Amino acid sequence: RAGAGIFKVNCVHCHGTQGEGDGPIAPFLRERPANLTSDEVRTMSVETIYRIVTEGKDMMPSFQGELSAEERFEVARFVTSLPRPSFAQHRSEGDR
């Protein structure tokens, strides 16, 4: 999966390893990064996510000058494949 590697290098610092918007720099940003496993994002098409990666959205910068068109599509396809967090995961995280 090319998209997973590209995501790891370019996206994890804000969106976190599981895409939940909890990357290591997320607490230092004015706005929390999008939770890519949320229902809102899960209903987006690959093309919509590609457009967001290309143009940026809210606090997220454009990656048009950083990633090739194919790399941006790989990331978009990867984001659509992220698993939905399980109830058990959220429950244990909330108990900490």
PDB file of N, CA and C in Angstrom:
ATOM      1  N   ARG A   1       0.818  -1.195   0.000  1.00  0.00           N
ATOM      2  CA  ARG A   1       0.000   0.000   0.000  1.00  0.00           C
ATOM      3  C   ARG A   1       0.858   1.253   0.000  1.00  0.00           C
ATOM      4  N   ALA A   2       0.966   1.843  -1.145  1.00  0.00           N
ATOM      5  CA  ALA A   2       1.752   3.071  -1.258  1.00  0.00           C
ATOM      6  C   ALA A   2       1.147   4.176  -0.394  1.00  0.00           C
ATOM      7  N   GLY A   3      -0.168   4.247  -0.348  1.00  0.00           N
ATOM      8  CA  GLY A   3      -0.833   5.303   0.406  1.00  0.00           C
ATOM      9  C   GLY A   3      -0.501   5.294   1.884  1.00  0.00           C
ATOM     10  N   ALA A   4      -0.317   4.102   2.454  1.00  0.00           N
ATOM     11  CA  ALA A   4       0.003   4.002   3.883  1.00  0.00           C
ATOM     12  C   ALA A   4       1.357   4.644   4.177  1.00  0.00           C
ATOM     13  N   GLY A   5       2.331   4.405   3.338  1.00  0.00           N
ATOM     14  CA  GLY A   5       3.649   4.996   3.542  1.00  0.00           C
ATOM     15  C   GLY A   5       3.636   6.499   3.377  1.00  0.00           C
ATOM     16  N   ILE A   6       2.919   6.961   2.371  1.00  0.00           N
ATOM     17  CA  ILE A   6       2.814   8.412   2.138  1.00  0.00           C
ATOM     18  C   ILE A   6       2.092   9.071   3.315  1.00  0.00           C
ATOM     19  N   PHE A   7       1.034   8.429   3.798  1.00  0.00           N
ATOM     20  CA  PHE A   7       0.287   8.924   4.955  1.00  0.00           C
ATOM     21  C   PHE A   7       1.207   9.006   6.170  1.00  0.00           C
ATOM     22  N   LYS A   8       1.999   7.967   6.386  1.00  0.00           N
ATOM     23  CA  LYS A   8       2.890   7.935   7.548  1.00  0.00           C
ATOM     24  C   LYS A   8       3.871   9.102   7.531  1.00  0.00           C
ATOM     25  N   VAL A   9       4.406   9.409   6.371  1.00  0.00           N
ATOM     26  CA  VAL A   9       5.402  10.481   6.265  1.00  0.00           C
ATOM     27  C   VAL A   9       4.770  11.870   6.334  1.00  0.00           C
ATOM     28  N   ASN A  10       3.599  12.048   5.726  1.00  0.00           N
ATOM     29  CA  ASN A  10       3.029  13.388   5.553  1.00  0.00           C
ATOM     30  C   ASN A  10       1.840  13.734   6.434  1.00  0.00           C
ATOM     31  N   CYS A  11       1.163  12.747   7.003  1.00  0.00           N
ATOM     32  CA  CYS A  11      -0.116  13.015   7.646  1.00  0.00           C
ATOM     33  C   CYS A  11      -0.184  12.650   9.126  1.00  0.00           C
ATOM     34  N   VAL A  12       0.624  11.659   9.536  1.00  0.00           N
ATOM     35  CA  VAL A  12       0.543  11.135  10.902  1.00  0.00           C
ATOM     36  C   VAL A  12       0.819  12.202  11.956  1.00  0.00           C
ATOM     37  N   HIS A  13       1.712  13.128  11.678  1.00  0.00           N
ATOM     38  CA  HIS A  13       2.052  14.126  12.694  1.00  0.00           C
ATOM     39  C   HIS A  13       0.840  14.944  13.136  1.00  0.00           C
ATOM     40  N   CYS A  14      -0.147  15.129  12.266  1.00  0.00           N
ATOM     41  CA  CYS A  14      -1.378  15.833  12.654  1.00  0.00           C
ATOM     42  C   CYS A  14      -2.536  14.860  12.911  1.00  0.00           C
ATOM     43  N   HIS A  15      -2.761  13.937  11.959  1.00  0.00           N
ATOM     44  CA  HIS A  15      -3.935  13.065  12.026  1.00  0.00           C
ATOM     45  C   HIS A  15      -3.740  11.824  12.891  1.00  0.00           C
ATOM     46  N   GLY A  16      -2.505  11.489  13.270  1.00  0.00           N
ATOM     47  CA  GLY A  16      -2.255  10.323  14.111  1.00  0.00           C
ATOM     48  C   GLY A  16      -2.158   9.039  13.304  1.00  0.00           C
ATOM     49  N   THR A  17      -1.610   8.011  13.912  1.00  0.00           N
ATOM     50  CA  THR A  17      -1.365   6.756  13.203  1.00  0.00           C
ATOM     51  C   THR A  17      -2.646   6.073  12.744  1.00  0.00           C
ATOM     52  N   GLN A  18      -3.725   6.259  13.486  1.00  0.00           N
ATOM     53  CA  GLN A  18      -5.003   5.648  13.115  1.00  0.00           C
ATOM     54  C   GLN A  18      -5.931   6.634  12.409  1.00  0.00           C
ATOM     55  N   GLY A  19      -5.455   7.871  12.191  1.00  0.00           N
ATOM     56  CA  GLY A  19      -6.247   8.871  11.489  1.00  0.00           C
ATOM     57  C   GLY A  19      -7.292   9.559  12.332  1.00  0.00           C
ATOM     58  N   GLU A  20      -7.170   9.475  13.652  1.00  0.00           N
ATOM     59  CA  GLU A  20      -8.208  10.004  14.528  1.00  0.00           C
ATOM     60  C   GLU A  20      -8.003  11.459  14.948  1.00  0.00           C
ATOM     61  N   GLY A  21      -7.062  12.153  14.306  1.00  0.00           N
ATOM     62  CA  GLY A  21      -6.843  13.567  14.610  1.00  0.00           C
ATOM     63  C   GLY A  21      -6.055  13.801  15.876  1.00  0.00           C
ATOM     64  N   ASP A  22      -5.302  12.793  16.293  1.00  0.00           N
ATOM     65  CA  ASP A  22      -4.581  12.873  17.563  1.00  0.00           C
ATOM     66  C   ASP A  22      -3.073  12.707  17.407  1.00  0.00           C
ATOM     67  N   GLY A  23      -2.536  13.232  16.316  1.00  0.00           N
ATOM     68  CA  GLY A  23      -1.106  13.149  16.079  1.00  0.00           C
ATOM     69  C   GLY A  23      -0.322  13.935  17.109  1.00  0.00           C
ATOM     70  N   PRO A  24       1.002  13.747  17.148  1.00  0.00           N
ATOM     71  CA  PRO A  24       1.816  14.386  18.182  1.00  0.00           C
ATOM     72  C   PRO A  24       1.789  15.910  18.187  1.00  0.00           C
ATOM     73  N   ILE A  25       1.529  16.540  17.047  1.00  0.00           N
ATOM     74  CA  ILE A  25       1.467  18.010  17.072  1.00  0.00           C
ATOM     75  C   ILE A  25       0.036  18.540  17.181  1.00  0.00           C
ATOM     76  N   ALA A  26      -0.952  17.663  17.164  1.00  0.00           N
ATOM     77  CA  ALA A  26      -2.356  18.085  17.229  1.00  0.00           C
ATOM     78  C   ALA A  26      -2.658  18.982  18.431  1.00  0.00           C
ATOM     79  N   PRO A  27      -2.132  18.686  19.625  1.00  0.00           N
ATOM     80  CA  PRO A  27      -2.453  19.552  20.771  1.00  0.00           C
ATOM     81  C   PRO A  27      -1.930  20.985  20.632  1.00  0.00           C
ATOM     82  N   PHE A  28      -0.992  21.196  19.731  1.00  0.00           N
ATOM     83  CA  PHE A  28      -0.385  22.514  19.582  1.00  0.00           C
ATOM     84  C   PHE A  28      -1.025  23.340  18.460  1.00  0.00           C
ATOM     85  N   LEU A  29      -2.003  22.773  17.776  1.00  0.00           N
ATOM     86  CA  LEU A  29      -2.670  23.468  16.671  1.00  0.00           C
ATOM     87  C   LEU A  29      -3.886  24.229  17.182  1.00  0.00           C
ATOM     88  N   ARG A  30      -4.254  25.294  16.494  1.00  0.00           N
ATOM     89  CA  ARG A  30      -5.442  26.079  16.882  1.00  0.00           C
ATOM     90  C   ARG A  30      -6.711  25.266  16.739  1.00  0.00           C
ATOM     91  N   GLU A  31      -6.774  24.410  15.723  1.00  0.00           N
ATOM     92  CA  GLU A  31      -7.939  23.550  15.492  1.00  0.00           C
ATOM     93  C   GLU A  31      -7.473  22.103  15.473  1.00  0.00           C
ATOM     94  N   ARG A  32      -8.287  21.234  16.033  1.00  0.00           N
ATOM     95  CA  ARG A  32      -7.947  19.814  16.021  1.00  0.00           C
ATOM     96  C   ARG A  32      -8.039  19.296  14.580  1.00  0.00           C
ATOM     97  N   PRO A  33      -7.057  18.511  14.153  1.00  0.00           N
ATOM     98  CA  PRO A  33      -7.126  17.924  12.808  1.00  0.00           C
ATOM     99  C   PRO A  33      -8.347  17.006  12.684  1.00  0.00           C
ATOM    100  N   ALA A  34      -8.825  16.858  11.485  1.00  0.00           N
ATOM    101  CA  ALA A  34      -9.999  16.017  11.241  1.00  0.00           C
ATOM    102  C   ALA A  34      -9.749  14.588  11.680  1.00  0.00           C
ATOM    103  N   ASN A  35     -10.780  13.989  12.253  1.00  0.00           N
ATOM    104  CA  ASN A  35     -10.771  12.566  12.560  1.00  0.00           C
ATOM    105  C   ASN A  35     -11.168  11.866  11.264  1.00  0.00           C
ATOM    106  N   LEU A  36     -10.217  11.220  10.640  1.00  0.00           N
ATOM    107  CA  LEU A  36     -10.449  10.608   9.328  1.00  0.00           C
ATOM    108  C   LEU A  36     -11.257   9.333   9.405  1.00  0.00           C
ATOM    109  N   THR A  37     -11.568   8.877  10.620  1.00  0.00           N
ATOM    110  CA  THR A  37     -12.421   7.697  10.784  1.00  0.00           C
ATOM    111  C   THR A  37     -13.855   8.086  11.127  1.00  0.00           C
ATOM    112  N   SER A  38     -14.128   9.394  11.168  1.00  0.00           N
ATOM    113  CA  SER A  38     -15.476   9.871  11.506  1.00  0.00           C
ATOM    114  C   SER A  38     -16.460   9.544  10.389  1.00  0.00           C
ATOM    115  N   ASP A  39     -17.726   9.514  10.743  1.00  0.00           N
ATOM    116  CA  ASP A  39     -18.766   9.245   9.748  1.00  0.00           C
ATOM    117  C   ASP A  39     -18.745  10.283   8.634  1.00  0.00           C
ATOM    118  N   GLU A  40     -18.462  11.544   8.988  1.00  0.00           N
ATOM    119  CA  GLU A  40     -18.427  12.604   7.979  1.00  0.00           C
ATOM    120  C   GLU A  40     -17.379  12.308   6.904  1.00  0.00           C
ATOM    121  N   VAL A  41     -16.194  11.923   7.323  1.00  0.00           N
ATOM    122  CA  VAL A  41     -15.121  11.644   6.366  1.00  0.00           C
ATOM    123  C   VAL A  41     -15.380  10.321   5.653  1.00  0.00           C
ATOM    124  N   ARG A  42     -15.908   9.349   6.366  1.00  0.00           N
ATOM    125  CA  ARG A  42     -16.152   8.025   5.778  1.00  0.00           C
ATOM    126  C   ARG A  42     -17.169   8.076   4.631  1.00  0.00           C
ATOM    127  N   THR A  43     -18.003   9.095   4.606  1.00  0.00           N
ATOM    128  CA  THR A  43     -18.983   9.212   3.516  1.00  0.00           C
ATOM    129  C   THR A  43     -18.417   9.950   2.303  1.00  0.00           C
ATOM    130  N   MET A  44     -17.202  10.499   2.432  1.00  0.00           N
ATOM    131  CA  MET A  44     -16.586  11.228   1.321  1.00  0.00           C
ATOM    132  C   MET A  44     -16.027  10.257   0.286  1.00  0.00           C
ATOM    133  N   SER A  45     -16.090  10.662  -0.959  1.00  0.00           N
ATOM    134  CA  SER A  45     -15.517   9.865  -2.046  1.00  0.00           C
ATOM    135  C   SER A  45     -14.001  10.049  -2.086  1.00  0.00           C
ATOM    136  N   VAL A  46     -13.328   9.148  -2.780  1.00  0.00           N
ATOM    137  CA  VAL A  46     -11.890   9.281  -2.991  1.00  0.00           C
ATOM    138  C   VAL A  46     -11.597  10.615  -3.665  1.00  0.00           C
ATOM    139  N   GLU A  47     -12.439  11.012  -4.608  1.00  0.00           N
ATOM    140  CA  GLU A  47     -12.231  12.266  -5.333  1.00  0.00           C
ATOM    141  C   GLU A  47     -12.339  13.478  -4.404  1.00  0.00           C
ATOM    142  N   THR A  48     -13.283  13.447  -3.474  1.00  0.00           N
ATOM    143  CA  THR A  48     -13.436  14.553  -2.525  1.00  0.00           C
ATOM    144  C   THR A  48     -12.220  14.639  -1.611  1.00  0.00           C
ATOM    145  N   ILE A  49     -11.768  13.506  -1.119  1.00  0.00           N
ATOM    146  CA  ILE A  49     -10.587  13.504  -0.251  1.00  0.00           C
ATOM    147  C   ILE A  49      -9.360  13.950  -1.039  1.00  0.00           C
ATOM    148  N   TYR A  50      -9.249  13.500  -2.278  1.00  0.00           N
ATOM    149  CA  TYR A  50      -8.141  13.936  -3.136  1.00  0.00           C
ATOM    150  C   TYR A  50      -8.145  15.462  -3.274  1.00  0.00           C
ATOM    151  N   ARG A  51      -9.321  16.039  -3.479  1.00  0.00           N
ATOM    152  CA  ARG A  51      -9.427  17.497  -3.618  1.00  0.00           C
ATOM    153  C   ARG A  51      -8.988  18.203  -2.339  1.00  0.00           C
ATOM    154  N   ILE A  52      -9.358  17.666  -1.188  1.00  0.00           N
ATOM    155  CA  ILE A  52      -8.962  18.267   0.087  1.00  0.00           C
ATOM    156  C   ILE A  52      -7.446  18.172   0.269  1.00  0.00           C
ATOM    157  N   VAL A  53      -6.869  17.008  -0.059  1.00  0.00           N
ATOM    158  CA  VAL A  53      -5.419  16.849   0.053  1.00  0.00           C
ATOM    159  C   VAL A  53      -4.722  17.807  -0.916  1.00  0.00           C
ATOM    160  N   THR A  54      -5.295  17.982  -2.082  1.00  0.00           N
ATOM    161  CA  THR A  54      -4.696  18.853  -3.098  1.00  0.00           C
ATOM    162  C   THR A  54      -4.815  20.326  -2.730  1.00  0.00           C
ATOM    163  N   GLU A  55      -6.002  20.764  -2.339  1.00  0.00           N
ATOM    164  CA  GLU A  55      -6.262  22.183  -2.098  1.00  0.00           C
ATOM    165  C   GLU A  55      -6.102  22.615  -0.653  1.00  0.00           C
ATOM    166  N   GLY A  56      -6.169  21.666   0.280  1.00  0.00           N
ATOM    167  CA  GLY A  56      -6.181  21.987   1.697  1.00  0.00           C
ATOM    168  C   GLY A  56      -7.596  22.317   2.144  1.00  0.00           C
ATOM    169  N   LYS A  57      -7.785  22.368   3.446  1.00  0.00           N
ATOM    170  CA  LYS A  57      -9.102  22.704   3.993  1.00  0.00           C
ATOM    171  C   LYS A  57      -8.917  23.180   5.430  1.00  0.00           C
ATOM    172  N   ASP A  58      -9.533  24.276   5.761  1.00  0.00           N
ATOM    173  CA  ASP A  58      -9.408  24.860   7.098  1.00  0.00           C
ATOM    174  C   ASP A  58      -7.917  25.009   7.428  1.00  0.00           C
ATOM    175  N   MET A  59      -7.452  24.379   8.473  1.00  0.00           N
ATOM    176  CA  MET A  59      -6.047  24.499   8.892  1.00  0.00           C
ATOM    177  C   MET A  59      -5.105  23.595   8.088  1.00  0.00           C
ATOM    178  N   MET A  60      -5.659  22.623   7.386  1.00  0.00           N
ATOM    179  CA  MET A  60      -4.807  21.691   6.641  1.00  0.00           C
ATOM    180  C   MET A  60      -4.269  22.364   5.387  1.00  0.00           C
ATOM    181  N   PRO A  61      -2.950  22.292   5.196  1.00  0.00           N
ATOM    182  CA  PRO A  61      -2.373  22.930   4.004  1.00  0.00           C
ATOM    183  C   PRO A  61      -2.590  22.100   2.746  1.00  0.00           C
ATOM    184  N   SER A  62      -2.400  22.722   1.619  1.00  0.00           N
ATOM    185  CA  SER A  62      -2.417  22.035   0.328  1.00  0.00           C
ATOM    186  C   SER A  62      -1.158  21.188   0.203  1.00  0.00           C
ATOM    187  N   PHE A  63      -1.309  20.002  -0.382  1.00  0.00           N
ATOM    188  CA  PHE A  63      -0.158  19.141  -0.638  1.00  0.00           C
ATOM    189  C   PHE A  63       0.154  19.062  -2.127  1.00  0.00           C
ATOM    190  N   GLN A  64      -0.429  19.966  -2.911  1.00  0.00           N
ATOM    191  CA  GLN A  64      -0.217  19.953  -4.354  1.00  0.00           C
ATOM    192  C   GLN A  64       1.248  20.108  -4.717  1.00  0.00           C
ATOM    193  N   GLY A  65       1.972  20.960  -4.048  1.00  0.00           N
ATOM    194  CA  GLY A  65       3.379  21.160  -4.352  1.00  0.00           C
ATOM    195  C   GLY A  65       4.307  20.172  -3.659  1.00  0.00           C
ATOM    196  N   GLU A  66       3.755  19.376  -2.750  1.00  0.00           N
ATOM    197  CA  GLU A  66       4.556  18.434  -1.972  1.00  0.00           C
ATOM    198  C   GLU A  66       4.452  17.001  -2.501  1.00  0.00           C
ATOM    199  N   LEU A  67       3.268  16.630  -2.966  1.00  0.00           N
ATOM    200  CA  LEU A  67       3.019  15.266  -3.435  1.00  0.00           C
ATOM    201  C   LEU A  67       2.546  15.296  -4.884  1.00  0.00           C
ATOM    202  N   SER A  68       2.920  14.278  -5.642  1.00  0.00           N
ATOM    203  CA  SER A  68       2.437  14.171  -7.017  1.00  0.00           C
ATOM    204  C   SER A  68       0.944  13.861  -7.004  1.00  0.00           C
ATOM    205  N   ALA A  69       0.295  14.017  -8.151  1.00  0.00           N
ATOM    206  CA  ALA A  69      -1.131  13.704  -8.253  1.00  0.00           C
ATOM    207  C   ALA A  69      -1.380  12.247  -7.867  1.00  0.00           C
ATOM    208  N   GLU A  70      -0.532  11.337  -8.318  1.00  0.00           N
ATOM    209  CA  GLU A  70      -0.707   9.921  -7.979  1.00  0.00           C
ATOM    210  C   GLU A  70      -0.536   9.689  -6.478  1.00  0.00           C
ATOM    211  N   GLU A  71       0.429  10.349  -5.869  1.00  0.00           N
ATOM    212  CA  GLU A  71       0.618  10.205  -4.419  1.00  0.00           C
ATOM    213  C   GLU A  71      -0.593  10.728  -3.654  1.00  0.00           C
ATOM    214  N   ARG A  72      -1.162  11.840  -4.118  1.00  0.00           N
ATOM    215  CA  ARG A  72      -2.363  12.382  -3.458  1.00  0.00           C
ATOM    216  C   ARG A  72      -3.532  11.431  -3.599  1.00  0.00           C
ATOM    217  N   PHE A  73      -3.665  10.770  -4.767  1.00  0.00           N
ATOM    218  CA  PHE A  73      -4.716   9.754  -4.929  1.00  0.00           C
ATOM    219  C   PHE A  73      -4.461   8.555  -4.033  1.00  0.00           C
ATOM    220  N   GLU A  74      -3.204   8.150  -3.888  1.00  0.00           N
ATOM    221  CA  GLU A  74      -2.871   7.022  -3.009  1.00  0.00           C
ATOM    222  C   GLU A  74      -3.267   7.335  -1.565  1.00  0.00           C
ATOM    223  N   VAL A  75      -2.981   8.554  -1.121  1.00  0.00           N
ATOM    224  CA  VAL A  75      -3.368   8.954   0.230  1.00  0.00           C
ATOM    225  C   VAL A  75      -4.887   8.950   0.361  1.00  0.00           C
ATOM    226  N   ALA A  76      -5.585   9.492  -0.616  1.00  0.00           N
ATOM    227  CA  ALA A  76      -7.052   9.521  -0.570  1.00  0.00           C
ATOM    228  C   ALA A  76      -7.622   8.112  -0.509  1.00  0.00           C
ATOM    229  N   ARG A  77      -7.087   7.205  -1.303  1.00  0.00           N
ATOM    230  CA  ARG A  77      -7.557   5.810  -1.262  1.00  0.00           C
ATOM    231  C   ARG A  77      -7.261   5.191   0.099  1.00  0.00           C
ATOM    232  N   PHE A  78      -6.089   5.490   0.655  1.00  0.00           N
ATOM    233  CA  PHE A  78      -5.749   4.962   1.978  1.00  0.00           C
ATOM    234  C   PHE A  78      -6.722   5.478   3.033  1.00  0.00           C
ATOM    235  N   VAL A  79      -7.026   6.768   3.006  1.00  0.00           N
ATOM    236  CA  VAL A  79      -7.942   7.351   3.996  1.00  0.00           C
ATOM    237  C   VAL A  79      -9.302   6.663   3.929  1.00  0.00           C
ATOM    238  N   THR A  80      -9.785   6.352   2.730  1.00  0.00           N
ATOM    239  CA  THR A  80     -11.094   5.681   2.627  1.00  0.00           C
ATOM    240  C   THR A  80     -11.037   4.249   3.143  1.00  0.00           C
ATOM    241  N   SER A  81      -9.838   3.694   3.304  1.00  0.00           N
ATOM    242  CA  SER A  81      -9.717   2.321   3.795  1.00  0.00           C
ATOM    243  C   SER A  81      -9.484   2.247   5.304  1.00  0.00           C
ATOM    244  N   LEU A  82      -9.357   3.374   5.980  1.00  0.00           N
ATOM    245  CA  LEU A  82      -9.103   3.345   7.420  1.00  0.00           C
ATOM    246  C   LEU A  82     -10.265   2.679   8.142  1.00  0.00           C
ATOM    247  N   PRO A  83      -9.953   1.797   9.093  1.00  0.00           N
ATOM    248  CA  PRO A  83     -11.030   1.110   9.814  1.00  0.00           C
ATOM    249  C   PRO A  83     -11.758   2.046  10.767  1.00  0.00           C
ATOM    250  N   ARG A  84     -13.004   1.750  10.957  1.00  0.00           N
ATOM    251  CA  ARG A  84     -13.806   2.491  11.940  1.00  0.00           C
ATOM    252  C   ARG A  84     -13.320   2.063  13.325  1.00  0.00           C
ATOM    253  N   PRO A  85     -13.096   2.996  14.242  1.00  0.00           N
ATOM    254  CA  PRO A  85     -12.651   2.600  15.580  1.00  0.00           C
ATOM    255  C   PRO A  85     -13.716   1.750  16.261  1.00  0.00           C
ATOM    256  N   SER A  86     -13.280   0.761  16.989  1.00  0.00           N
ATOM    257  CA  SER A  86     -14.239  -0.103  17.681  1.00  0.00           C
ATOM    258  C   SER A  86     -14.731   0.581  18.946  1.00  0.00           C
ATOM    259  N   PHE A  87     -15.918   0.202  19.386  1.00  0.00           N
ATOM    260  CA  PHE A  87     -16.480   0.748  20.616  1.00  0.00           C
ATOM    261  C   PHE A  87     -15.557   0.433  21.782  1.00  0.00           C
ATOM    262  N   ALA A  88     -14.972  -0.760  21.790  1.00  0.00           N
ATOM    263  CA  ALA A  88     -14.085  -1.159  22.885  1.00  0.00           C
ATOM    264  C   ALA A  88     -12.870  -0.250  22.976  1.00  0.00           C
ATOM    265  N   GLN A  89     -12.320   0.162  21.820  1.00  0.00           N
ATOM    266  CA  GLN A  89     -11.171   1.063  21.833  1.00  0.00           C
ATOM    267  C   GLN A  89     -11.537   2.387  22.473  1.00  0.00           C
ATOM    268  N   HIS A  90     -12.677   2.961  22.069  1.00  0.00           N
ATOM    269  CA  HIS A  90     -13.079   4.258  22.620  1.00  0.00           C
ATOM    270  C   HIS A  90     -13.390   4.133  24.110  1.00  0.00           C
ATOM    271  N   ARG A  91     -13.988   3.039  24.500  1.00  0.00           N
ATOM    272  CA  ARG A  91     -14.316   2.836  25.895  1.00  0.00           C
ATOM    273  C   ARG A  91     -13.045   2.799  26.750  1.00  0.00           C
ATOM    274  N   SER A  92     -12.048   2.021  26.305  1.00  0.00           N
ATOM    275  CA  SER A  92     -10.811   1.920  27.092  1.00  0.00           C
ATOM    276  C   SER A  92     -10.050   3.229  27.090  1.00  0.00           C
ATOM    277  N   GLU A  93     -10.092   3.983  25.982  1.00  0.00           N
ATOM    278  CA  GLU A  93      -9.419   5.271  25.936  1.00  0.00           C
ATOM    279  C   GLU A  93     -10.096   6.256  26.890  1.00  0.00           C
ATOM    280  N   GLY A  94     -11.405   6.188  26.985  1.00  0.00           N
ATOM    281  CA  GLY A  94     -12.149   7.083  27.871  1.00  0.00           C
ATOM    282  C   GLY A  94     -11.942   6.761  29.339  1.00  0.00           C
ATOM    283  N   ASP A  95     -11.557   5.519  29.633  1.00  0.00           N
ATOM    284  CA  ASP A  95     -11.348   5.112  31.021  1.00  0.00           C
ATOM    285  C   ASP A  95      -9.990   5.505  31.558  1.00  0.00           C
ATOM    286  N   ARG A  96      -9.112   6.016  30.701  1.00  0.00           N
ATOM    287  CA  ARG A  96      -7.750   6.356  31.154  1.00  0.00           C
ATOM    288  C   ARG A  96      -7.725   7.576  32.025  1.00  0.00           C
TER     289      ARG A  96
END
